[in-house]
Every structure is written in structure tokens, then in C-alpha cells.
Amino acid sequence: EALLEAQRQGVVIVQSSRTGSGRVTPAGGLRQERGWVAADNLPPSKARILTMLALTRTAEVAEIQRIFDEY
């Protein structure tokens, strides 16, 4: 799978929802197992900006998830 190959090469995967009231939570499931960041209620455009800002501080998935959890 292309996402897993990108992740092996160091790309941080952030999952968000395009629905008006959808949430992507970090708890459980395939997302947590694979080490993806959950964007909670941020739409993809805002999640992308926050990801870029977070990557200026760290590349660690757990720390990026903590940054997302604060917003």
C-alpha cells in the first residue's frame, strides 16, 4: 500500500474528515495500530496547515498527535 510505503520513508500520515460534523479520534483501531495522526474535528485544509507547523518542531508521531490533541 502506498501510504505504508510513504510512512516507512518518514512521511507522517494525518487522517481527517471532509464531512461537516465528522470527527477522527485517536483512540483504537487501524489508525492507532499504524501510527497515524488523528485530526479530530479539523477539516483537511486546517489539518494540513497544523501538520506543517508541527513538523517544524518534531517528526515524532506521538508528539504531533499531542499537538493535534491541543486544538
Protein backbone atom coordinates (compact mmCIF):
# COMPACT_ATOMS: atom_id res chain seq x y z
CA GLU A 1 0.00 0.00 0.00
CA ALA A 2 1.30 3.44 -0.97
CA LEU A 3 0.54 5.03 2.41
CA LEU A 4 2.51 2.41 4.29
CA GLU A 5 5.47 2.80 1.93
CA ALA A 6 5.39 6.58 2.40
CA GLN A 7 5.26 6.10 6.17
CA ARG A 8 8.27 3.77 6.04
CA GLN A 9 10.12 6.58 4.29
CA GLY A 10 9.31 9.01 7.11
CA VAL A 11 6.10 10.66 5.90
CA VAL A 12 3.67 11.48 8.72
CA ILE A 13 0.13 10.33 7.88
CA VAL A 14 -2.70 12.52 9.22
CA GLN A 15 -6.31 11.42 8.82
CA SER A 16 -9.17 13.92 8.86
CA SER A 17 -12.79 14.03 7.76
CA ARG A 18 -14.35 16.09 4.99
CA THR A 19 -17.86 15.85 6.45
CA GLY A 20 -19.33 18.91 8.13
CA SER A 21 -19.60 17.34 11.57
CA GLY A 22 -17.27 14.34 11.33
CA ARG A 23 -14.50 13.58 13.81
CA VAL A 24 -11.45 11.38 13.55
CA THR A 25 -10.39 10.41 17.05
CA PRO A 26 -7.02 8.91 18.00
CA ALA A 27 -8.45 6.06 20.09
CA GLY A 28 -8.17 2.48 18.87
CA GLY A 29 -8.40 0.81 15.52
CA LEU A 30 -6.20 0.64 12.48
CA ARG A 31 -5.16 4.30 12.75
CA GLN A 32 -3.56 3.80 16.16
CA GLU A 33 -2.06 0.47 15.13
CA ARG A 34 -0.37 2.01 12.09
CA GLY A 35 0.78 5.13 13.92
CA TRP A 36 -1.30 7.67 12.03
CA VAL A 37 -2.23 11.05 13.48
CA ALA A 38 -5.95 11.73 14.03
CA ALA A 39 -7.02 15.28 13.15
CA ASP A 40 -10.14 15.13 15.39
CA ASN A 41 -12.56 17.78 14.08
CA LEU A 42 -10.15 19.73 11.85
CA PRO A 43 -11.02 19.72 8.14
CA PRO A 44 -8.23 18.56 5.79
CA SER A 45 -7.15 22.10 4.88
CA LYS A 46 -6.59 23.10 8.51
CA ALA A 47 -5.07 19.72 9.39
CA ARG A 48 -2.53 20.23 6.60
CA ILE A 49 -1.50 23.61 7.99
CA LEU A 50 -1.23 22.28 11.54
CA THR A 51 0.83 19.33 10.26
CA MET A 52 3.25 21.67 8.52
CA LEU A 53 3.61 23.74 11.68
CA ALA A 54 4.04 20.64 13.86
CA LEU A 55 6.76 19.32 11.54
CA THR A 56 8.80 22.46 12.20
CA ARG A 57 9.06 21.24 15.81
CA THR A 58 9.21 17.43 15.56
CA ALA A 59 8.80 14.41 13.30
CA GLU A 60 7.67 12.11 16.12
CA VAL A 61 4.12 10.89 15.54
CA ALA A 62 3.25 10.84 19.25
CA GLU A 63 4.30 14.46 19.67
CA ILE A 64 2.41 15.53 16.55
CA GLN A 65 -0.69 13.75 17.89
CA ARG A 66 -0.26 15.67 21.16
CA ILE A 67 -0.17 18.93 19.19
CA PHE A 68 -3.37 17.94 17.37
CA ASP A 69 -5.00 16.99 20.67
CA GLU A 70 -4.44 20.52 21.97
CA TYR A 71 -6.55 22.04 19.15
